[in-house]
N, C-alpha and C. Protein backbone atom coordinates (compact mmCIF):
# COMPACT_ATOMS: atom_id res chain seq x y z
N THR A 1 129.02 -109.78 -50.81
CA THR A 1 127.98 -109.57 -49.78
C THR A 1 126.79 -110.46 -50.03
N ALA A 2 126.13 -110.86 -48.90
CA ALA A 2 124.97 -111.74 -49.04
C ALA A 2 123.72 -110.92 -49.45
N MET A 3 122.81 -111.60 -50.03
CA MET A 3 121.54 -111.00 -50.37
C MET A 3 120.68 -110.89 -49.11
N VAL A 4 120.14 -109.74 -48.89
CA VAL A 4 119.27 -109.48 -47.68
C VAL A 4 117.82 -109.47 -48.16
N PRO A 5 116.95 -110.39 -47.57
CA PRO A 5 115.55 -110.27 -47.96
C PRO A 5 114.82 -109.09 -47.28
N LEU A 6 113.97 -108.48 -48.02
CA LEU A 6 113.05 -107.48 -47.44
C LEU A 6 111.70 -108.20 -47.48
N ARG A 7 111.26 -108.60 -46.29
CA ARG A 7 110.01 -109.37 -46.19
C ARG A 7 108.80 -108.47 -46.12
N LEU A 8 107.89 -108.76 -47.01
CA LEU A 8 106.61 -108.06 -47.04
C LEU A 8 105.52 -109.12 -46.92
N TYR A 9 104.41 -108.79 -46.20
CA TYR A 9 103.31 -109.70 -46.13
C TYR A 9 102.17 -109.45 -47.08
N SER A 10 102.42 -108.46 -47.99
CA SER A 10 101.36 -108.10 -48.92
C SER A 10 101.83 -108.47 -50.30
N ARG A 11 101.23 -109.48 -50.91
CA ARG A 11 101.63 -109.83 -52.27
C ARG A 11 101.34 -108.71 -53.25
N ALA A 12 100.21 -107.98 -52.98
CA ALA A 12 99.80 -106.89 -53.81
C ALA A 12 100.87 -105.76 -53.77
N ALA A 13 101.50 -105.54 -52.61
CA ALA A 13 102.57 -104.51 -52.51
C ALA A 13 103.80 -104.93 -53.33
N ILE A 14 104.13 -106.21 -53.35
CA ILE A 14 105.29 -106.75 -54.10
C ILE A 14 104.99 -106.56 -55.56
N ARG A 15 103.79 -106.99 -56.03
CA ARG A 15 103.44 -106.84 -57.45
C ARG A 15 103.48 -105.37 -57.84
N ALA A 16 102.92 -104.50 -57.01
CA ALA A 16 102.94 -103.06 -57.38
C ALA A 16 104.34 -102.54 -57.50
N TYR A 17 105.26 -102.93 -56.58
CA TYR A 17 106.65 -102.50 -56.62
C TYR A 17 107.30 -103.01 -57.90
N GLU A 18 107.08 -104.26 -58.22
CA GLU A 18 107.71 -104.88 -59.41
C GLU A 18 107.28 -104.22 -60.69
N THR A 19 106.00 -103.73 -60.73
CA THR A 19 105.51 -103.12 -61.94
C THR A 19 105.71 -101.55 -61.95
N GLY A 20 106.16 -101.02 -60.81
CA GLY A 20 106.42 -99.63 -60.74
C GLY A 20 105.16 -98.84 -60.34
N ASN A 21 104.13 -99.55 -59.88
CA ASN A 21 102.89 -98.83 -59.45
C ASN A 21 102.94 -98.55 -57.95
N ILE A 22 103.77 -97.57 -57.60
CA ILE A 22 103.89 -97.20 -56.18
C ILE A 22 103.63 -95.69 -56.03
N ALA A 23 103.38 -95.30 -54.88
CA ALA A 23 103.11 -93.84 -54.61
C ALA A 23 104.32 -93.00 -54.95
N PRO A 24 104.11 -91.78 -55.46
CA PRO A 24 105.23 -90.94 -55.86
C PRO A 24 106.17 -90.66 -54.64
N GLU A 25 105.62 -90.55 -53.41
CA GLU A 25 106.43 -90.33 -52.24
C GLU A 25 107.37 -91.52 -51.99
N ALA A 26 106.81 -92.69 -52.14
CA ALA A 26 107.64 -93.92 -51.96
C ALA A 26 108.70 -94.02 -53.02
N ALA A 27 108.40 -93.69 -54.26
CA ALA A 27 109.34 -93.77 -55.34
C ALA A 27 110.48 -92.73 -55.09
N ARG A 28 110.14 -91.53 -54.58
CA ARG A 28 111.12 -90.54 -54.30
C ARG A 28 112.08 -91.04 -53.24
N ILE A 29 111.55 -91.69 -52.15
CA ILE A 29 112.39 -92.19 -51.12
C ILE A 29 113.34 -93.28 -51.64
N LEU A 30 112.82 -94.21 -52.43
CA LEU A 30 113.63 -95.29 -53.01
C LEU A 30 114.72 -94.75 -53.97
N GLN A 31 114.42 -93.70 -54.70
CA GLN A 31 115.41 -93.16 -55.65
C GLN A 31 116.52 -92.44 -54.93
N THR A 32 116.24 -91.78 -53.83
CA THR A 32 117.26 -90.98 -53.12
C THR A 32 118.03 -91.87 -52.13
N ARG A 33 117.56 -93.01 -51.79
CA ARG A 33 118.21 -93.85 -50.79
C ARG A 33 119.45 -94.54 -51.38
N LYS A 34 120.51 -94.58 -50.57
CA LYS A 34 121.77 -95.22 -50.97
C LYS A 34 121.75 -96.68 -50.38
N TYR A 35 121.77 -97.66 -51.21
CA TYR A 35 121.77 -99.06 -50.84
C TYR A 35 123.18 -99.50 -50.50
N THR A 36 123.34 -100.24 -49.37
CA THR A 36 124.68 -100.63 -48.97
C THR A 36 124.88 -102.12 -49.25
N GLY A 37 123.96 -102.75 -49.93
CA GLY A 37 124.12 -104.18 -50.15
C GLY A 37 123.05 -104.64 -51.14
N SER A 38 122.99 -105.93 -51.34
CA SER A 38 121.99 -106.47 -52.25
C SER A 38 120.73 -106.86 -51.46
N HIS A 39 119.60 -106.48 -51.97
CA HIS A 39 118.32 -106.76 -51.37
C HIS A 39 117.40 -107.46 -52.34
N TYR A 40 116.46 -108.20 -51.86
CA TYR A 40 115.40 -108.71 -52.71
C TYR A 40 114.14 -108.77 -51.90
N LEU A 41 113.03 -108.67 -52.63
CA LEU A 41 111.68 -108.73 -51.96
C LEU A 41 111.27 -110.15 -51.80
N SER A 42 110.71 -110.43 -50.59
CA SER A 42 110.28 -111.81 -50.29
C SER A 42 108.92 -111.71 -49.60
N TRP A 43 107.95 -112.46 -50.16
CA TRP A 43 106.61 -112.47 -49.56
C TRP A 43 106.62 -113.37 -48.32
N PHE A 44 106.03 -112.84 -47.28
CA PHE A 44 105.96 -113.61 -46.00
C PHE A 44 104.49 -113.75 -45.63
N PRO A 45 104.01 -114.95 -45.41
CA PRO A 45 102.61 -115.16 -45.06
C PRO A 45 102.35 -114.69 -43.61
N ALA A 46 102.01 -113.43 -43.46
CA ALA A 46 101.92 -112.86 -42.13
C ALA A 46 100.81 -113.50 -41.24
N HIS A 47 99.62 -113.48 -41.76
CA HIS A 47 98.49 -113.90 -40.89
C HIS A 47 98.03 -115.33 -41.24
N MET A 48 99.03 -116.25 -41.19
CA MET A 48 98.71 -117.63 -41.51
C MET A 48 98.66 -118.51 -40.26
N GLY A 49 98.66 -117.88 -39.08
CA GLY A 49 98.67 -118.62 -37.85
C GLY A 49 100.02 -118.74 -37.26
N LYS A 50 100.12 -119.33 -36.09
CA LYS A 50 101.35 -119.35 -35.37
C LYS A 50 102.27 -120.48 -35.83
N ASP A 51 101.69 -121.57 -36.38
CA ASP A 51 102.46 -122.75 -36.69
C ASP A 51 102.67 -122.88 -38.21
N VAL A 52 103.29 -121.93 -38.84
CA VAL A 52 103.51 -121.93 -40.30
C VAL A 52 104.66 -122.86 -40.59
N HIS A 53 105.70 -122.83 -39.82
CA HIS A 53 106.92 -123.64 -40.04
C HIS A 53 107.19 -124.35 -38.71
N PRO A 54 107.62 -125.62 -38.78
CA PRO A 54 107.90 -126.34 -37.52
C PRO A 54 109.07 -125.84 -36.71
N GLN A 55 110.14 -125.31 -37.41
CA GLN A 55 111.28 -124.83 -36.67
C GLN A 55 111.29 -123.35 -36.39
N GLN A 56 110.54 -122.59 -37.20
CA GLN A 56 110.55 -121.13 -37.05
C GLN A 56 109.12 -120.65 -36.59
N PRO A 57 109.10 -119.80 -35.56
CA PRO A 57 107.77 -119.26 -35.16
C PRO A 57 107.42 -118.13 -36.13
N ASN A 58 106.14 -117.92 -36.30
CA ASN A 58 105.70 -116.80 -37.12
C ASN A 58 105.83 -115.48 -36.34
N LEU A 59 106.95 -114.78 -36.65
CA LEU A 59 107.26 -113.59 -35.85
C LEU A 59 106.23 -112.52 -35.97
N ASN A 60 105.54 -112.42 -37.13
CA ASN A 60 104.48 -111.47 -37.30
C ASN A 60 103.37 -111.72 -36.32
N GLU A 61 102.94 -113.01 -36.17
CA GLU A 61 101.89 -113.34 -35.22
C GLU A 61 102.32 -113.05 -33.79
N MET A 62 103.59 -113.35 -33.45
CA MET A 62 104.08 -113.03 -32.12
C MET A 62 104.02 -111.53 -31.84
N ALA A 63 104.43 -110.76 -32.81
CA ALA A 63 104.45 -109.27 -32.70
C ALA A 63 103.01 -108.79 -32.56
N HIS A 64 102.08 -109.39 -33.33
CA HIS A 64 100.71 -108.98 -33.29
C HIS A 64 100.11 -109.25 -31.93
N ASP A 65 100.36 -110.45 -31.37
CA ASP A 65 99.85 -110.82 -30.04
C ASP A 65 100.40 -109.86 -28.97
N ARG A 66 101.68 -109.56 -29.00
CA ARG A 66 102.25 -108.68 -28.00
C ARG A 66 101.70 -107.27 -28.17
N ALA A 67 101.50 -106.80 -29.35
CA ALA A 67 100.88 -105.47 -29.52
C ALA A 67 99.40 -105.44 -28.98
N ARG A 68 98.68 -106.56 -29.20
CA ARG A 68 97.35 -106.66 -28.67
C ARG A 68 97.40 -106.59 -27.13
N GLU A 69 98.30 -107.24 -26.51
CA GLU A 69 98.44 -107.17 -25.05
C GLU A 69 98.67 -105.76 -24.52
N LEU A 70 99.38 -104.96 -25.30
CA LEU A 70 99.64 -103.55 -24.91
C LEU A 70 98.41 -102.71 -24.99
N THR A 71 97.37 -103.10 -25.83
CA THR A 71 96.22 -102.27 -26.00
C THR A 71 95.06 -102.79 -25.24
N ARG A 72 95.23 -103.66 -24.24
CA ARG A 72 94.14 -104.19 -23.49
C ARG A 72 93.38 -103.16 -22.72
N ARG A 73 92.08 -103.35 -22.59
CA ARG A 73 91.24 -102.43 -21.84
C ARG A 73 90.84 -103.00 -20.48
N ASP A 74 91.33 -104.12 -20.14
CA ASP A 74 90.85 -104.75 -18.91
C ASP A 74 92.03 -104.88 -17.91
N ASP A 75 91.82 -105.59 -16.82
CA ASP A 75 92.80 -105.82 -15.77
C ASP A 75 94.06 -106.48 -16.31
N GLN A 76 95.23 -106.13 -15.80
CA GLN A 76 96.47 -106.71 -16.21
C GLN A 76 96.65 -108.21 -15.96
N SER A 77 95.92 -108.74 -15.00
CA SER A 77 96.04 -110.15 -14.65
C SER A 77 95.10 -111.02 -15.57
N ALA A 78 94.44 -110.42 -16.53
CA ALA A 78 93.43 -111.14 -17.30
C ALA A 78 94.09 -112.18 -18.22
N THR A 79 95.34 -111.97 -18.65
CA THR A 79 96.02 -112.89 -19.62
C THR A 79 96.15 -114.26 -18.93
N GLU A 80 96.58 -114.28 -17.67
CA GLU A 80 96.77 -115.56 -17.01
C GLU A 80 95.44 -116.21 -16.73
N GLU A 81 94.37 -115.46 -16.42
CA GLU A 81 93.12 -115.97 -16.05
C GLU A 81 92.34 -116.52 -17.29
N LEU A 82 92.46 -115.78 -18.43
CA LEU A 82 91.61 -116.11 -19.55
C LEU A 82 92.31 -117.06 -20.51
N GLY A 83 93.64 -117.13 -20.52
CA GLY A 83 94.31 -118.05 -21.37
C GLY A 83 94.88 -117.38 -22.57
N PRO A 84 95.77 -118.10 -23.37
CA PRO A 84 96.45 -117.52 -24.48
C PRO A 84 95.61 -117.30 -25.72
N ASP A 85 94.42 -117.92 -25.82
CA ASP A 85 93.64 -117.82 -27.07
C ASP A 85 92.71 -116.64 -27.06
N VAL A 86 92.77 -115.77 -26.03
CA VAL A 86 91.91 -114.66 -25.92
C VAL A 86 92.34 -113.51 -26.85
N GLN A 87 91.44 -112.90 -27.61
CA GLN A 87 91.77 -111.80 -28.49
C GLN A 87 91.32 -110.50 -27.77
N PHE A 88 92.20 -109.50 -27.73
CA PHE A 88 91.91 -108.24 -27.11
C PHE A 88 91.56 -107.21 -28.20
N ASN A 89 90.90 -106.17 -27.79
CA ASN A 89 90.43 -105.16 -28.66
C ASN A 89 91.53 -104.13 -28.98
N ASP A 90 91.30 -103.33 -30.03
CA ASP A 90 92.22 -102.30 -30.43
C ASP A 90 92.06 -101.14 -29.44
N PRO A 91 93.03 -100.22 -29.39
CA PRO A 91 93.01 -99.11 -28.43
C PRO A 91 91.84 -98.11 -28.76
N LEU A 92 91.42 -97.47 -27.74
CA LEU A 92 90.40 -96.41 -27.90
C LEU A 92 91.09 -95.16 -28.31
N LEU A 93 90.74 -94.61 -29.44
CA LEU A 93 91.47 -93.46 -29.97
C LEU A 93 90.69 -92.13 -29.98
N THR A 94 89.42 -92.23 -30.38
CA THR A 94 88.66 -91.00 -30.49
C THR A 94 87.78 -90.78 -29.27
N PHE A 95 87.32 -89.52 -29.12
CA PHE A 95 86.46 -89.24 -28.00
C PHE A 95 85.19 -90.07 -28.00
N HIS A 96 84.61 -90.26 -29.20
CA HIS A 96 83.39 -91.07 -29.30
C HIS A 96 83.66 -92.51 -28.88
N GLU A 97 84.82 -93.09 -29.31
CA GLU A 97 85.10 -94.50 -28.90
C GLU A 97 85.26 -94.59 -27.37
N ILE A 98 85.96 -93.61 -26.80
CA ILE A 98 86.18 -93.65 -25.32
C ILE A 98 84.87 -93.54 -24.61
N THR A 99 84.03 -92.55 -24.93
CA THR A 99 82.81 -92.38 -24.19
C THR A 99 81.84 -93.57 -24.45
N SER A 100 81.77 -94.10 -25.71
CA SER A 100 80.95 -95.21 -25.95
C SER A 100 81.39 -96.50 -25.15
N HIS A 101 82.71 -96.64 -25.07
CA HIS A 101 83.20 -97.78 -24.30
C HIS A 101 82.79 -97.79 -22.88
N TYR A 102 82.93 -96.60 -22.21
CA TYR A 102 82.54 -96.53 -20.83
C TYR A 102 81.04 -96.57 -20.63
N ARG A 103 80.29 -95.99 -21.54
CA ARG A 103 78.82 -96.05 -21.44
C ARG A 103 78.32 -97.45 -21.58
N HIS A 104 78.88 -98.22 -22.57
CA HIS A 104 78.42 -99.60 -22.74
C HIS A 104 78.88 -100.52 -21.57
N ASN A 105 80.05 -100.22 -21.00
CA ASN A 105 80.50 -101.04 -19.86
C ASN A 105 79.62 -100.86 -18.63
N ARG A 106 79.05 -99.62 -18.48
CA ARG A 106 78.19 -99.33 -17.31
C ARG A 106 76.80 -99.97 -17.53
N SER A 107 76.38 -100.19 -18.79
CA SER A 107 75.04 -100.67 -19.02
C SER A 107 74.83 -102.06 -18.49
N ARG A 108 73.68 -102.24 -17.85
CA ARG A 108 73.35 -103.53 -17.24
C ARG A 108 72.60 -104.41 -18.23
N TYR A 109 71.87 -103.78 -19.14
CA TYR A 109 71.05 -104.50 -20.10
C TYR A 109 71.48 -104.20 -21.51
N PRO A 110 71.20 -105.14 -22.42
CA PRO A 110 71.57 -104.88 -23.82
C PRO A 110 70.73 -103.77 -24.46
N LEU A 111 71.23 -103.18 -25.51
CA LEU A 111 70.49 -102.11 -26.20
C LEU A 111 69.27 -102.68 -26.85
N PRO A 112 68.18 -101.91 -26.95
CA PRO A 112 67.00 -102.38 -27.70
C PRO A 112 67.35 -102.61 -29.16
N HIS A 113 66.58 -103.44 -29.81
CA HIS A 113 66.80 -103.74 -31.17
C HIS A 113 66.65 -102.46 -32.06
N SER A 114 67.48 -102.34 -33.05
CA SER A 114 67.53 -101.13 -33.85
C SER A 114 66.30 -100.87 -34.61
N LYS A 115 65.44 -101.91 -34.88
CA LYS A 115 64.24 -101.69 -35.66
C LYS A 115 63.06 -101.25 -34.83
N LEU A 116 63.22 -101.16 -33.53
CA LEU A 116 62.12 -100.69 -32.70
C LEU A 116 61.92 -99.21 -32.85
N GLU A 117 60.65 -98.76 -32.77
CA GLU A 117 60.37 -97.32 -32.82
C GLU A 117 60.80 -96.75 -31.43
N ARG A 118 60.86 -95.42 -31.37
CA ARG A 118 61.25 -94.75 -30.14
C ARG A 118 60.37 -95.14 -28.97
N ALA A 119 59.07 -95.09 -29.12
CA ALA A 119 58.14 -95.41 -28.04
C ALA A 119 58.34 -96.84 -27.60
N GLN A 120 58.60 -97.76 -28.53
CA GLN A 120 58.78 -99.16 -28.20
C GLN A 120 60.11 -99.30 -27.36
N GLU A 121 61.17 -98.57 -27.79
CA GLU A 121 62.41 -98.59 -27.06
C GLU A 121 62.24 -98.19 -25.63
N VAL A 122 61.52 -97.05 -25.46
CA VAL A 122 61.25 -96.51 -24.11
C VAL A 122 60.52 -97.53 -23.27
N ALA A 123 59.46 -98.11 -23.81
CA ALA A 123 58.66 -99.13 -23.06
C ALA A 123 59.56 -100.33 -22.76
N PHE A 124 60.39 -100.80 -23.65
CA PHE A 124 61.25 -101.94 -23.44
C PHE A 124 62.27 -101.60 -22.32
N ARG A 125 62.84 -100.42 -22.30
CA ARG A 125 63.78 -100.00 -21.25
C ARG A 125 63.09 -99.91 -19.89
N MET A 126 61.84 -99.42 -19.88
CA MET A 126 61.13 -99.30 -18.65
C MET A 126 60.78 -100.70 -18.10
N LEU A 127 60.50 -101.65 -18.97
CA LEU A 127 60.23 -103.02 -18.55
C LEU A 127 61.55 -103.65 -18.01
N GLN A 128 62.68 -103.37 -18.64
CA GLN A 128 63.97 -103.94 -18.20
C GLN A 128 64.34 -103.44 -16.82
N THR A 129 64.08 -102.16 -16.62
CA THR A 129 64.48 -101.53 -15.33
C THR A 129 63.37 -101.57 -14.25
N ARG A 130 62.27 -102.22 -14.56
CA ARG A 130 61.17 -102.34 -13.65
C ARG A 130 60.63 -100.99 -13.24
N SER A 131 60.63 -100.04 -14.16
CA SER A 131 60.03 -98.72 -13.89
C SER A 131 58.84 -98.43 -14.71
N TYR A 132 58.28 -99.40 -15.39
CA TYR A 132 57.08 -99.22 -16.17
C TYR A 132 55.95 -98.85 -15.22
N PRO A 133 55.16 -97.84 -15.54
CA PRO A 133 54.11 -97.37 -14.60
C PRO A 133 53.02 -98.48 -14.43
N SER A 134 52.78 -98.76 -13.17
CA SER A 134 51.66 -99.66 -12.80
C SER A 134 50.66 -98.87 -12.03
N ARG A 135 49.49 -99.45 -11.85
CA ARG A 135 48.46 -98.75 -11.05
C ARG A 135 48.96 -98.49 -9.59
N GLY A 136 49.64 -99.44 -9.01
CA GLY A 136 50.18 -99.27 -7.69
C GLY A 136 51.18 -98.16 -7.59
N ARG A 137 52.05 -98.00 -8.52
CA ARG A 137 53.00 -96.93 -8.53
C ARG A 137 52.37 -95.59 -8.82
N LEU A 138 51.48 -95.55 -9.76
CA LEU A 138 50.80 -94.30 -10.14
C LEU A 138 49.94 -93.78 -9.01
N SER A 139 49.46 -94.67 -8.16
CA SER A 139 48.62 -94.24 -7.00
C SER A 139 49.44 -93.46 -6.01
N HIS A 140 50.80 -93.64 -5.98
CA HIS A 140 51.65 -92.82 -5.10
C HIS A 140 51.71 -91.39 -5.57
N TYR A 141 51.61 -91.16 -6.85
CA TYR A 141 51.77 -89.87 -7.45
C TYR A 141 50.43 -89.11 -7.51
N ASN A 142 49.33 -89.84 -7.67
CA ASN A 142 48.04 -89.26 -7.88
C ASN A 142 47.00 -90.02 -7.03
N SER A 143 46.45 -89.33 -6.10
CA SER A 143 45.48 -90.00 -5.15
C SER A 143 44.16 -90.40 -5.84
N ASP A 144 43.90 -89.87 -7.06
CA ASP A 144 42.73 -90.24 -7.77
C ASP A 144 42.79 -91.64 -8.38
N ILE A 145 44.05 -92.15 -8.50
CA ILE A 145 44.26 -93.48 -9.15
C ILE A 145 44.16 -94.53 -8.01
N ASN A 146 43.34 -95.54 -8.23
CA ASN A 146 43.17 -96.60 -7.26
C ASN A 146 44.30 -97.66 -7.49
N SER A 147 44.96 -98.12 -6.39
CA SER A 147 46.09 -99.05 -6.54
C SER A 147 45.62 -100.48 -6.72
N GLN A 148 44.28 -100.73 -6.66
CA GLN A 148 43.75 -102.05 -6.74
C GLN A 148 43.71 -102.51 -8.20
N CYS A 149 43.96 -103.82 -8.42
CA CYS A 149 43.85 -104.36 -9.78
C CYS A 149 42.45 -104.36 -10.24
N PRO A 150 42.19 -103.87 -11.45
CA PRO A 150 40.85 -103.79 -11.98
C PRO A 150 40.28 -105.16 -12.40
N ASP A 151 41.18 -106.14 -12.51
CA ASP A 151 40.73 -107.44 -13.01
C ASP A 151 40.55 -108.48 -11.90
N CYS A 152 41.16 -108.28 -10.76
CA CYS A 152 41.05 -109.23 -9.60
C CYS A 152 40.99 -108.46 -8.36
N THR A 153 41.05 -109.14 -7.23
CA THR A 153 40.94 -108.48 -5.95
C THR A 153 42.24 -108.10 -5.29
N GLU A 154 43.32 -108.09 -6.06
CA GLU A 154 44.63 -107.75 -5.51
C GLU A 154 44.59 -106.27 -5.10
N VAL A 155 45.07 -105.98 -3.83
CA VAL A 155 45.01 -104.64 -3.30
C VAL A 155 46.02 -103.71 -4.01
N TYR A 156 47.22 -104.25 -4.23
CA TYR A 156 48.31 -103.40 -4.82
C TYR A 156 48.67 -103.98 -6.20
N CYS A 157 48.39 -103.31 -7.23
CA CYS A 157 48.65 -103.82 -8.65
C CYS A 157 50.03 -103.35 -9.03
N SER A 158 51.02 -104.18 -8.81
CA SER A 158 52.39 -103.85 -9.16
C SER A 158 52.70 -104.29 -10.60
N LEU A 159 53.88 -103.99 -11.06
CA LEU A 159 54.28 -104.36 -12.40
C LEU A 159 54.30 -105.90 -12.54
N ALA A 160 54.87 -106.54 -11.58
CA ALA A 160 54.92 -108.02 -11.63
C ALA A 160 53.49 -108.61 -11.68
N HIS A 161 52.60 -108.03 -10.86
CA HIS A 161 51.24 -108.46 -10.89
C HIS A 161 50.60 -108.25 -12.22
N MET A 162 50.81 -107.09 -12.83
CA MET A 162 50.22 -106.80 -14.14
C MET A 162 50.73 -107.77 -15.17
N LEU A 163 52.04 -108.15 -15.14
CA LEU A 163 52.63 -108.94 -16.22
C LEU A 163 52.34 -110.42 -16.08
N TRP A 164 52.51 -110.99 -14.87
CA TRP A 164 52.36 -112.43 -14.81
C TRP A 164 51.67 -113.00 -13.57
N GLN A 165 51.37 -112.20 -12.54
CA GLN A 165 50.77 -112.72 -11.36
C GLN A 165 49.25 -112.64 -11.30
N CYS A 166 48.68 -111.83 -12.14
CA CYS A 166 47.22 -111.63 -12.13
C CYS A 166 46.55 -112.84 -12.70
N PRO A 167 45.64 -113.51 -11.99
CA PRO A 167 44.97 -114.67 -12.51
C PRO A 167 43.94 -114.39 -13.61
N ALA A 168 43.54 -113.15 -13.70
CA ALA A 168 42.45 -112.85 -14.73
C ALA A 168 42.99 -112.70 -16.10
């Protein structure tokens, strides 16, 4: 009978097997298994790219690409539109991953920097969404507040006027 290679892509796993440093569960399985032929361990460079050998494709990379396509989170027609070099994400498994994915996909603006304090984050978000309180807006809620700009003669002091339109 011919020798059958058992291909592993982890050199560390081959070294561990050769020295007997394997998990007790794996050792138990190997001891009780009946071998029907001759086998040998062979290291296979799994993540070495698609063009490792000119005549043989890297089957591990092909399997990896196909598995990635199965876990895509976007439209099914995206492969043709985006091309073969596009990397897709791993599947969403936990509740936190799923809810975070949908929350971040709905967001229109990037998250504030992590080093900002809470008050700075709130002010930044209000500026992004154009909801920062201006004299003009506050005058709608409280009649005691004058909507006129205190620095110039503009009748309605909007956020845009406060930030960059006021000549003063």
